[in-house]
Structure formats: structure tokens, C-alpha cells
């Protein structure tokens, strides 16, 4: 009779199941490795490429704003070899993972460091296609274009630095921010590059750019070119990045020219019109530099009364250049040929007092020189507001274009304030001599006093 008992299961079946699970796991791991192998290897080469680049431009090195394409390309052979090693790794990373955007960014930087801007451009282009809203790479691309297609970064295939920047949302303000940061660190050449780019992006900065050139020439000891740049900045008088640079340029430029003071004053008033204490402070700075017309206009705007001089209502201040307001006598020198006797040449509350006590033995004379070397322009008169005590005689000599003349010769002075006008003609006022003295020796003890409030060109 046949048995109906079920047959026992083979004892080897659990081992077969575990083998299947193990094989499945190994297969899954193999598939995973196959999928991740290239990306992981690409990341390895990208990381190695970055390490080699960091040996040339360390992380945190912010020279030239951190932009590789703004730096001068490398000439040192050892440095170039390091960049070539970086490119070997980065090229492998690119072939293994062609959609990895950061690899193209590093490749572009490497080519810029080597000076191969034509190959840097397509690398940055690929990066911006993969990451279209990354302004950092767009800035690098723009700088690479400037080097590949000088002077304005406009290449034959239609690429344009400024269009690239605009499409990426880069504005003139981005460049201004970088420029100001570099200027404050006294990195003037780098600051100049950024100001120039901001100008090309539509921001008016002509005077600022000229002022930064002044700073560069001054730092290099080229005083002649520095003064030319400063004069250009002040004469153009447009495109100041901020009011403080404008004021500093005006103050420095006061040594070159006293012209255009009314226009300069209006610019300052527009900037600080609602800050009377600041206007007074700025006015005092210009007053010390002899820019009295400008200082007076600022005092008026600040609501300050007679802070410098008294000007009769009939005088049009806009037609004057005030040469001297006698805040001090620092700009005057004793006359070397006048055989000065003992006397006083001093100021008090903005008034010059010249006085001597006569020597009974010989004729007295006392004179001081002022050397403005000022361009006269369309001004036709030299004005003085003055008075004197009885017996005081005024002598004035002026030198224009190197020619000396004496328009006032032992002239008796009024006892009340008057404005005297002396005709003047030429290009440059070189010198003014003010003196008091006697026509003949006076045998009685006398003291002579002359007072001058201001001297101006009209």
C-alpha cells in the first residue's frame, strides 16, 4: 500500500534563499556603483582640480575682487604648471560628468589664469547655460570677453560683456560696491577697473575716475600727472560717486584754481542743504584753503550771518573770486627788498591790520607779499575793502604775467571803509605787494595803521 505522508522539504532550501538575497544585494550594489561611478570620479577630479588652483589663488584671496579673469595672467612657469595640473583633473571631470556646472566655472578660471581667454569664454558660457542666474560667473565671463576682444568686450560672434552682465542681472551698482570696497582699502588700480565698468554700465562717474587716477599717480610719486588728473576731475565736475569725494577733490583742487566756486557751492548745498552744521563745517574747511566765495555761500545757506567779511549789497558775489579774507597771515611773506622797519602784520576777526611806528632818522617802509599765481580769466579788476588812520599811505604793486606795476603809490587812505578798484589785465596774477610808508622822513613820532577786510577779483 502506498504511503500518503507528505515528503519532507530538502534541508538545503534555506541556504539557497540566502544565496539569492546575497546575489540580489550584490547585483544592486553593482548597479549602484555603475550609476555613481562616473559622478563620484568626476567629483574627485573636480576636487583635485580645485586644490591645484588653490595653490595658485588661495581660497579667500580677494585681490582683484577674487576674479581670475581680472588678474594679470600668470608668467611664472611653476605657477602655470600648477594650473595645467588643475586643468587635467577638471577636463577629466568634465568628460565624466558633462552636466556638472561648477567644473566649467573652474575651467574658465584656469584658462584666464593662463591668459587663454578665447578658451575661457566657452567654458563660462556653458556654466551660465547650466546656471543662468549666477552673477559671479557672468562677471567672470564679461571680464574674459574684455580680454579676448579688447577694448570693450565686443566679439565678432555677437558676444558682448555688458549684455552678458545685464542679462544676468548685474548692474552698475554691483561694480560700484566693489570699487568702493577697493578704494577704501587703498587698492586704487583695482578700484579704477570697477569704476570704469560701472561707467560703461551707464553710471556717470567721470570725475570719480579722474580722482582715482589722481590717487594712483600720487601713490606712485608722479606729482605732475596727479595734478593733471585732479584738475580734470574738478573741471569736469560731474559723476561724483559720493559727496565726500567731491568735497575732498574741491579742497585739493583749491591749490590749482579758485575758479568755479559758486557752482561748487551749489553742488555742496544740494548734497547737504538740510544739514546746516555740516555746511558750516565744510565752509570752514574751504575758508582755510582761501576759497572764500564758496565758504560765504555755504555760510549763507546755513543761515549764518557775517562769518567772514562784509560785502556791500551792490556787489554781485557770483562775479567775484575772493583771493584773501584774512583768516590768517600764513599766505603772506615779508617783502625781502622793502627794507622793512619794525611793524605788525596780523589779523583779528577777519581783518588785516598793518601798522608801524615811524623811525625819526629815516624814511619808513613796511611791505608783505602774497603770491597767488592765479589764472585771471575774464576778471578785469582787483578790489580791496580798506580803511586807514590819518597819515597812513598805501602802496600796492602787482605782478601779472611776470610784469610788475604799481597801480597805487603812497596813496592816502580813507578813514571809513571803502572799496577800491584797480584795473588788471592779463592771464596770470603772480604777486600782490601791500605796503605802508612815508613819502619823506617825518620828525615827529607817529604810528601808521592800515586795515583791509578782503581782496577779490571782479
Protein backbone atom coordinates (compact mmCIF):
# COMPACT_ATOMS: atom_id res chain seq x y z
CA UNK A 1 0.00 0.00 0.00
CA UNK A 2 1.39 3.41 -0.96
CA UNK A 3 2.06 5.94 1.85
CA UNK A 4 0.20 9.24 1.73
CA UNK A 5 2.60 11.11 4.09
CA UNK A 6 3.99 14.33 2.64
CA UNK A 7 7.59 14.27 1.61
CA UNK A 8 9.93 16.35 3.80
CA UNK A 9 11.36 19.58 2.28
CA UNK A 10 15.07 19.48 1.40
CA UNK A 11 17.29 20.82 4.17
CA UNK A 12 19.34 22.88 1.68
CA UNK A 13 16.47 25.27 0.72
CA UNK A 14 17.16 27.99 3.37
CA UNK A 15 20.76 28.19 2.11
CA UNK A 16 19.58 28.74 -1.42
CA UNK A 17 17.25 31.57 -0.32
CA UNK A 18 20.03 33.41 1.49
CA UNK A 19 22.25 33.00 -1.54
CA UNK A 20 19.61 34.57 -3.72
CA UNK A 21 19.26 37.51 -1.34
CA UNK A 22 23.03 37.97 -1.25
CA UNK A 23 23.28 37.82 -5.00
CA UNK A 24 20.48 40.32 -5.33
CA UNK A 25 22.23 42.67 -2.93
CA UNK A 26 25.50 42.33 -4.78
CA UNK A 27 23.73 42.99 -8.05
CA UNK A 28 22.04 46.08 -6.62
CA UNK A 29 25.36 47.30 -5.31
CA UNK A 30 26.98 46.70 -8.68
CA UNK A 31 24.21 48.61 -10.39
CA UNK A 32 24.53 51.44 -7.87
CA UNK A 33 28.27 51.59 -8.37
CA UNK A 34 27.80 51.57 -12.10
CA UNK A 35 25.41 54.50 -11.78
CA UNK A 36 27.53 56.51 -9.29
CA UNK A 37 30.97 55.61 -10.52
CA UNK A 38 31.31 58.39 -13.06
CA UNK A 39 29.75 61.16 -10.88
CA UNK A 40 31.91 60.15 -7.91
CA UNK A 41 35.04 60.02 -10.01
CA UNK A 42 34.10 63.34 -11.57
CA UNK A 43 33.72 64.88 -8.11
CA UNK A 44 37.13 63.51 -7.17
CA UNK A 45 38.78 65.11 -10.22
CA UNK A 46 36.83 68.36 -9.68
CA UNK A 47 38.03 68.49 -6.07
CA UNK A 48 41.61 67.77 -7.12
CA UNK A 49 41.44 70.45 -9.80
CA UNK A 50 40.20 72.93 -7.21
CA UNK A 51 43.08 72.01 -4.90
CA UNK A 52 45.65 72.69 -7.60
CA UNK A 53 44.04 76.04 -8.43
CA UNK A 54 44.02 76.96 -4.73
CA UNK A 55 47.80 76.56 -4.73
CA UNK A 56 47.95 79.45 -7.18
CA UNK A 57 45.00 81.57 -5.96
CA UNK A 58 44.31 80.59 -2.34
CA UNK A 59 40.74 80.49 -1.09
CA UNK A 60 39.93 83.89 0.39
CA UNK A 61 42.43 85.75 -1.82
CA UNK A 62 40.34 88.79 -2.77
CA UNK A 63 42.91 90.58 -4.90
CA UNK A 64 41.15 91.92 -7.99
CA UNK A 65 37.87 91.18 -6.24
CA UNK A 66 38.65 87.46 -6.39
CA UNK A 67 38.12 87.41 -10.16
CA UNK A 68 40.62 85.27 -12.05
CA UNK A 69 39.88 86.99 -15.36
CA UNK A 70 40.75 90.41 -13.93
CA UNK A 71 44.18 89.32 -12.75
CA UNK A 72 47.23 89.63 -14.98
CA UNK A 73 47.79 86.18 -16.47
CA UNK A 74 50.50 84.06 -14.89
CA UNK A 75 54.03 84.21 -16.27
CA UNK A 76 55.81 82.15 -13.62
CA UNK A 77 56.40 78.67 -15.11
CA UNK A 78 55.88 76.82 -11.83
CA UNK A 79 52.58 78.58 -11.26
CA UNK A 80 51.46 77.84 -14.80
CA UNK A 81 52.37 74.15 -14.31
CA UNK A 82 50.07 74.01 -11.29
CA UNK A 83 47.22 75.43 -13.32
CA UNK A 84 47.89 72.89 -16.08
CA UNK A 85 47.62 70.09 -13.48
CA UNK A 86 44.33 71.60 -12.36
CA UNK A 87 43.10 71.60 -15.96
CA UNK A 88 44.00 67.91 -16.37
CA UNK A 89 41.75 66.99 -13.46
CA UNK A 90 38.99 69.38 -14.48
CA UNK A 91 38.97 68.10 -18.07
CA UNK A 92 38.54 64.52 -16.78
CA UNK A 93 35.75 65.72 -14.50
CA UNK A 94 34.06 67.37 -17.48
CA UNK A 95 34.21 64.20 -19.60
CA UNK A 96 32.84 62.06 -16.74
CA UNK A 97 30.03 64.46 -15.75
CA UNK A 98 29.32 66.93 -18.57
CA UNK A 99 26.33 68.44 -16.72
CA UNK A 100 28.33 69.41 -13.64
CA UNK A 101 28.25 73.21 -13.89
CA UNK A 102 30.94 74.05 -11.35
CA UNK A 103 33.56 72.19 -13.38
CA UNK A 104 33.10 74.63 -16.27
CA UNK A 105 33.42 77.57 -13.89
CA UNK A 106 36.77 76.25 -12.64
CA UNK A 107 37.93 75.50 -16.19
CA UNK A 108 37.14 79.08 -17.22
CA UNK A 109 39.09 80.48 -14.27
CA UNK A 110 42.06 78.23 -15.06
CA UNK A 111 42.19 79.39 -18.68
CA UNK A 112 42.02 83.03 -17.56
CA UNK A 113 44.98 82.49 -15.24
CA UNK A 114 46.89 81.12 -18.22
CA UNK A 115 45.83 84.06 -20.40
CA UNK A 116 43.89 81.78 -22.76
CA UNK A 117 40.75 83.93 -22.73
CA UNK A 118 39.36 82.51 -26.00
CA UNK A 119 39.03 79.08 -24.32
CA UNK A 120 37.82 80.59 -21.05
CA UNK A 121 34.82 82.21 -22.76
CA UNK A 122 33.07 78.97 -23.94
CA UNK A 123 33.67 77.36 -20.53
CA UNK A 124 31.91 80.25 -18.77
CA UNK A 125 29.19 80.23 -21.43
CA UNK A 126 28.44 76.58 -20.69
CA UNK A 127 28.32 77.36 -16.97
CA UNK A 128 25.86 80.22 -17.48
CA UNK A 129 23.66 77.96 -19.64
CA UNK A 130 23.57 75.39 -16.84
CA UNK A 131 23.24 78.04 -14.11
CA UNK A 132 21.69 81.06 -15.84
CA UNK A 133 21.20 83.13 -12.67
CA UNK A 134 24.69 83.10 -11.24
CA UNK A 135 26.06 86.69 -11.44
CA UNK A 136 29.55 85.68 -10.28
CA UNK A 137 30.17 83.52 -13.35
CA UNK A 138 28.58 86.17 -15.58
CA UNK A 139 31.03 88.72 -14.21
CA UNK A 140 33.94 86.38 -14.96
CA UNK A 141 32.58 85.78 -18.46
CA UNK A 142 32.36 89.53 -19.02
CA UNK A 143 35.94 90.06 -17.88
CA UNK A 144 37.12 87.18 -20.08
CA UNK A 145 35.38 88.83 -23.04
CA UNK A 146 37.07 92.14 -22.27
CA UNK A 147 40.43 90.39 -22.52
CA UNK A 148 39.52 88.23 -25.51
CA UNK A 149 38.00 91.11 -27.52
CA UNK A 150 39.50 94.39 -26.31
CA UNK A 151 38.81 97.16 -25.66
CA UNK A 152 35.08 96.83 -24.99
CA UNK A 153 34.48 93.08 -24.84
CA UNK A 154 32.55 93.02 -28.13
CA UNK A 155 33.44 89.91 -30.10
CA UNK A 156 32.71 89.17 -33.76
CA UNK A 157 30.18 86.45 -32.94
CA UNK A 158 27.93 88.95 -31.16
CA UNK A 159 29.10 88.33 -27.63
CA UNK A 160 29.24 91.48 -25.54
CA UNK A 161 30.48 91.86 -21.96
CA UNK A 162 27.85 94.39 -20.99
CA UNK A 163 24.94 92.47 -22.50
CA UNK A 164 26.14 89.35 -20.66
CA UNK A 165 26.20 91.26 -17.40
CA UNK A 166 22.80 92.86 -17.92
CA UNK A 167 21.12 89.56 -18.80
CA UNK A 168 22.49 88.08 -15.58
CA UNK A 169 21.09 91.00 -13.55
CA UNK A 170 24.48 92.61 -12.96
CA UNK A 171 24.15 96.40 -12.64
CA UNK A 172 26.46 99.36 -12.27
CA UNK A 173 25.78 99.24 -8.54
CA UNK A 174 27.48 95.84 -8.29
CA UNK A 175 30.66 97.38 -9.73
CA UNK A 176 30.33 100.47 -7.55
CA UNK A 177 30.13 98.34 -4.43
CA UNK A 178 33.33 96.53 -5.41
CA UNK A 179 35.02 99.79 -6.41
CA UNK A 180 34.25 101.48 -3.10
CA UNK A 181 35.48 98.47 -1.16
CA UNK A 182 38.80 98.50 -3.03
CA UNK A 183 39.19 102.28 -2.77
CA UNK A 184 38.70 102.19 0.99
CA UNK A 185 41.41 99.53 1.18
CA UNK A 186 43.60 101.88 -0.94
CA UNK A 187 43.72 99.33 -3.77
CA UNK A 188 43.35 102.14 -6.28
CA UNK A 189 44.17 100.28 -9.55
CA UNK A 190 41.52 97.64 -8.79
CA UNK A 191 39.04 100.33 -7.76
CA UNK A 192 39.66 102.14 -11.05
CA UNK A 193 38.79 98.99 -13.05
CA UNK A 194 35.44 98.66 -11.27
CA UNK A 195 34.58 102.37 -11.58
CA UNK A 196 35.29 102.14 -15.32
CA UNK A 197 32.98 99.14 -15.68
CA UNK A 198 30.24 100.95 -13.75
CA UNK A 199 30.69 103.92 -16.11
CA UNK A 200 30.29 101.61 -19.12
CA UNK A 201 27.19 100.11 -17.50
CA UNK A 202 25.55 103.53 -17.58
CA UNK A 203 26.61 105.28 -14.35
CA UNK A 204 28.12 108.76 -14.82
CA UNK A 205 31.48 108.65 -12.99
CA UNK A 206 33.89 110.77 -15.00
CA UNK A 207 35.10 112.98 -12.14
CA UNK A 208 35.37 110.00 -9.80
CA UNK A 209 37.50 108.09 -12.32
CA UNK A 210 39.79 111.12 -12.76
CA UNK A 211 40.05 111.48 -8.97
CA UNK A 212 41.05 107.80 -8.58
CA UNK A 213 43.69 108.31 -11.29
CA UNK A 214 44.97 111.21 -9.16
CA UNK A 215 45.24 108.82 -6.19
CA UNK A 216 47.15 106.27 -8.32
CA UNK A 217 49.63 108.83 -9.67
CA UNK A 218 50.07 110.34 -6.21
CA UNK A 219 50.79 106.92 -4.69
CA UNK A 220 53.39 106.32 -7.43
CA UNK A 221 55.09 109.67 -6.79
CA UNK A 222 54.11 111.12 -10.18
CA UNK A 223 53.01 114.53 -8.89
CA UNK A 224 52.75 116.20 -12.29
CA UNK A 225 50.30 113.66 -13.70
CA UNK A 226 48.49 113.53 -10.35
CA UNK A 227 47.78 117.27 -10.52
CA UNK A 228 46.62 116.96 -14.13
CA UNK A 229 44.18 114.20 -13.14
CA UNK A 230 42.91 116.19 -10.15
CA UNK A 231 42.42 119.29 -12.27
CA UNK A 232 40.49 117.22 -14.81
CA UNK A 233 38.24 115.83 -12.05
CA UNK A 234 37.42 119.26 -10.68
CA UNK A 235 36.94 120.94 -14.07
CA UNK A 236 34.60 118.21 -15.37
CA UNK A 237 32.68 118.32 -12.07
CA UNK A 238 30.26 115.54 -12.98
CA UNK A 239 29.91 111.96 -11.87
CA UNK A 240 30.99 112.04 -8.23
CA UNK A 241 30.34 108.70 -6.56
CA UNK A 242 29.63 110.47 -3.27
CA UNK A 243 29.69 113.94 -1.77
CA UNK A 244 32.75 113.35 0.40
CA UNK A 245 34.95 112.57 -2.61
CA UNK A 246 33.58 115.68 -4.34
CA UNK A 247 34.42 117.91 -1.35
CA UNK A 248 37.87 116.34 -0.96
CA UNK A 249 38.59 116.99 -4.65
CA UNK A 250 37.43 120.60 -4.36
CA UNK A 251 39.70 121.13 -1.35
CA UNK A 252 42.71 119.53 -3.04
CA UNK A 253 41.93 121.42 -6.24
CA UNK A 254 41.84 124.76 -4.42
CA UNK A 255 45.62 124.84 -4.78
CA UNK A 256 45.22 124.69 -8.55
CA UNK A 257 42.37 127.10 -9.17
CA UNK A 258 39.99 129.29 -7.21
CA UNK A 259 37.53 129.39 -10.14
CA UNK A 260 34.02 127.98 -10.31
CA UNK A 261 33.39 128.48 -6.59
CA UNK A 262 29.73 129.40 -6.98
CA UNK A 263 28.98 126.22 -8.95
CA UNK A 264 30.87 124.10 -6.43
CA UNK A 265 28.96 125.73 -3.58
CA UNK A 266 25.62 124.90 -5.20
CA UNK A 267 26.67 121.25 -5.60
CA UNK A 268 27.52 121.06 -1.92
CA UNK A 269 24.29 122.80 -0.90
CA UNK A 270 22.29 120.28 -2.94
CA UNK A 271 24.00 117.49 -1.04
CA UNK A 272 23.90 118.96 2.48
CA UNK A 273 21.26 121.70 2.29
CA UNK A 274 19.26 120.19 5.15
CA UNK A 275 22.33 119.91 7.43
CA UNK A 276 23.37 123.47 8.45
CA UNK A 277 26.09 122.28 10.90
CA UNK A 278 27.71 120.23 8.12
CA UNK A 279 27.56 123.21 5.73
CA UNK A 280 29.31 125.37 8.32
CA UNK A 281 31.95 122.69 8.88
CA UNK A 282 32.60 122.36 5.15
CA UNK A 283 32.64 126.15 4.79
CA UNK A 284 35.34 126.41 7.45
CA UNK A 285 37.46 123.85 5.58
CA UNK A 286 37.22 125.87 2.35
CA UNK A 287 37.82 129.11 4.21
CA UNK A 288 41.16 127.73 5.45
CA UNK A 289 42.10 126.96 1.82
CA UNK A 290 41.31 130.50 0.69
CA UNK A 291 38.11 129.61 -1.21
CA UNK A 292 36.17 132.43 0.42
CA UNK A 293 33.42 132.89 -2.16
CA UNK A 294 32.49 129.25 -1.76
CA UNK A 295 32.69 129.41 2.03
CA UNK A 296 30.49 132.50 2.18
CA UNK A 297 27.83 130.87 0.02
CA UNK A 298 27.77 127.85 2.33
CA UNK A 299 27.50 130.08 5.41
CA UNK A 300 24.60 131.92 3.81
CA UNK A 301 22.82 128.64 3.05
CA UNK A 302 23.39 127.56 6.66
CA UNK A 303 21.78 130.76 7.94
CA UNK A 304 25.00 132.12 9.43
CA UNK A 305 25.46 135.88 9.40
CA UNK A 306 28.71 137.78 8.82
CA UNK A 307 31.15 134.93 9.35
CA UNK A 308 33.91 136.15 7.03
CA UNK A 309 33.52 139.60 5.50
CA UNK A 310 31.15 142.41 4.84
CA UNK A 311 30.17 142.79 1.20
CA UNK A 312 28.14 145.77 0.11
CA UNK A 313 24.72 144.87 -1.33
CA UNK A 314 25.63 146.27 -4.76
CA UNK A 315 28.39 143.66 -5.19
CA UNK A 316 27.42 140.56 -7.14
CA UNK A 317 29.20 137.75 -5.29
CA UNK A 318 28.91 135.45 -8.29
CA UNK A 319 31.20 137.82 -10.23
CA UNK A 320 33.95 137.73 -7.58
CA UNK A 321 36.84 135.48 -6.74
CA UNK A 322 37.83 136.35 -3.17
CA UNK A 323 41.60 136.00 -3.06
CA UNK A 324 42.12 136.80 0.60
CA UNK A 325 39.78 137.14 3.54
CA UNK A 326 42.46 137.26 6.23
CA UNK A 327 41.58 134.27 8.32
CA UNK A 328 45.33 134.17 8.94
CA UNK A 329 48.53 135.65 7.50
CA UNK A 330 50.01 132.27 6.59
CA UNK A 331 49.94 133.03 2.87
CA UNK A 332 51.90 136.29 3.18
CA UNK A 333 55.66 136.78 3.31
CA UNK A 334 57.77 139.77 4.39
CA UNK A 335 58.95 141.76 1.40
CA UNK A 336 62.68 140.91 1.01
CA UNK A 337 63.66 144.15 -0.76
CA UNK A 338 61.45 146.67 1.08
CA UNK A 339 63.95 147.35 3.91
CA UNK A 340 61.17 146.75 6.41
CA UNK A 341 61.28 148.58 9.69
CA UNK A 342 59.70 147.02 12.74
CA UNK A 343 55.96 146.68 12.39
CA UNK A 344 52.94 144.43 12.72
CA UNK A 345 51.19 142.36 10.07
CA UNK A 346 48.40 140.47 11.83
CA UNK A 347 44.73 139.57 11.61
CA UNK A 348 41.84 139.72 14.03
CA UNK A 349 38.21 138.68 13.32
CA UNK A 350 38.94 138.51 9.60
CA UNK A 351 40.53 141.97 9.33
CA UNK A 352 44.16 142.58 8.41
CA UNK A 353 45.95 145.29 10.38
CA UNK A 354 49.28 146.60 9.12
CA UNK A 355 50.97 149.11 11.41
CA UNK A 356 54.37 150.68 12.06
CA UNK A 357 55.80 153.29 14.39
CA UNK A 358 57.98 155.66 12.42
CA UNK A 359 61.70 155.95 12.93
CA UNK A 360 62.68 159.59 13.10
CA UNK A 361 66.07 159.06 11.48
CA UNK A 362 64.98 157.79 8.07
CA UNK A 363 62.01 157.15 5.82
CA UNK A 364 59.90 154.18 6.92
CA UNK A 365 58.51 151.36 4.83
CA UNK A 366 56.83 148.07 5.59
CA UNK A 367 55.57 145.57 2.99
CA UNK A 368 54.32 141.99 2.65
CA UNK A 369 53.92 139.73 -0.37
CA UNK A 370 51.10 137.43 -1.44
CA UNK A 371 51.85 135.03 -4.33
CA UNK A 372 48.59 133.52 -5.64
CA UNK A 373 49.76 132.56 -9.16
CA UNK A 374 46.09 132.58 -10.14
CA UNK A 375 44.55 132.45 -13.60
CA UNK A 376 42.72 135.76 -14.10
CA UNK A 377 40.36 134.69 -16.87
CA UNK A 378 37.65 137.27 -17.58
CA UNK A 379 38.23 139.24 -14.38
CA UNK A 380 39.18 142.87 -15.04
CA UNK A 381 39.53 144.47 -11.61
CA UNK A 382 41.30 143.88 -8.31
CA UNK A 383 39.04 145.01 -5.45
CA UNK A 384 40.05 145.89 -1.88
CA UNK A 385 37.83 146.84 1.05
CA UNK A 386 40.05 149.01 3.24
CA UNK A 387 40.49 151.97 5.51
CA UNK A 388 43.33 153.66 7.40
CA UNK A 389 44.17 156.13 10.10
CA UNK A 390 45.30 159.69 9.27
CA UNK A 391 48.77 159.81 7.80
CA UNK A 392 48.82 156.18 6.59
CA UNK A 393 49.79 155.81 2.93
CA UNK A 394 49.14 152.66 0.90
CA UNK A 395 51.44 151.33 -1.81
CA UNK A 396 50.39 148.36 -3.92
CA UNK A 397 52.41 146.53 -6.55
CA UNK A 398 51.08 143.68 -8.67
CA UNK A 399 52.83 141.24 -10.99
CA UNK A 400 50.78 139.94 -13.93
CA UNK A 401 52.32 137.53 -16.44
CA UNK A 402 55.72 138.32 -14.91
CA UNK A 403 55.39 142.09 -15.40
CA UNK A 404 55.47 144.31 -12.28
CA UNK A 405 53.44 147.52 -11.96
CA UNK A 406 52.49 149.90 -9.14
CA UNK A 407 48.84 150.97 -9.51
CA UNK A 408 48.77 152.57 -6.02
CA UNK A 409 51.76 154.70 -4.98
CA UNK A 410 51.75 156.25 -1.48
CA UNK A 411 48.01 156.70 -1.69
CA UNK A 412 46.28 158.40 1.32
CA UNK A 413 43.69 156.09 2.88
CA UNK A 414 40.07 156.81 3.78
CA UNK A 415 39.17 156.81 7.47
CA UNK A 416 35.91 154.92 6.77
CA UNK A 417 35.58 151.63 4.90
CA UNK A 418 35.72 151.97 1.11
CA UNK A 419 36.05 149.55 -1.81
CA UNK A 420 38.85 150.45 -4.18
CA UNK A 421 39.09 149.01 -7.69
CA UNK A 422 42.40 148.54 -9.51
CA UNK A 423 42.29 147.65 -13.25
CA UNK A 424 44.01 144.38 -14.05
CA UNK A 425 44.66 142.71 -17.39
CA UNK A 426 46.49 139.55 -18.39
CA UNK A 427 46.40 135.80 -17.86
CA UNK A 428 48.05 135.03 -14.51
CA UNK A 429 48.20 137.13 -11.35
CA UNK A 430 51.61 136.22 -9.94
CA UNK A 431 52.04 138.53 -6.95
CA UNK A 432 50.47 141.25 -4.79
CA UNK A 433 52.55 143.56 -2.60
CA UNK A 434 50.87 145.57 0.16
CA UNK A 435 52.93 148.22 1.93
CA UNK A 436 52.62 151.34 4.03
CA UNK A 437 55.25 154.01 4.49
CA UNK A 438 56.27 157.66 4.40
CA UNK A 439 56.92 159.82 1.38
CA UNK A 440 59.58 161.72 3.35
CA UNK A 441 61.08 161.23 6.82
CA UNK A 442 58.72 162.57 9.47
CA UNK A 443 60.43 164.05 12.51
CA UNK A 444 57.56 163.57 14.93
CA UNK A 445 56.66 160.18 16.43
CA UNK A 446 53.73 158.71 14.56
CA UNK A 447 52.04 155.33 14.25
CA UNK A 448 50.52 154.30 10.95
CA UNK A 449 47.61 151.84 10.65
CA UNK A 450 46.11 150.19 7.55
CA UNK A 451 43.09 147.83 7.69
CA UNK A 452 41.99 145.52 4.87
CA UNK A 453 38.85 143.37 5.05
CA UNK A 454 39.25 141.40 1.81
CA UNK A 455 40.89 141.32 -1.63
CA UNK A 456 38.98 140.00 -4.64
CA UNK A 457 38.98 139.79 -8.42
CA UNK A 458 35.95 141.07 -10.33
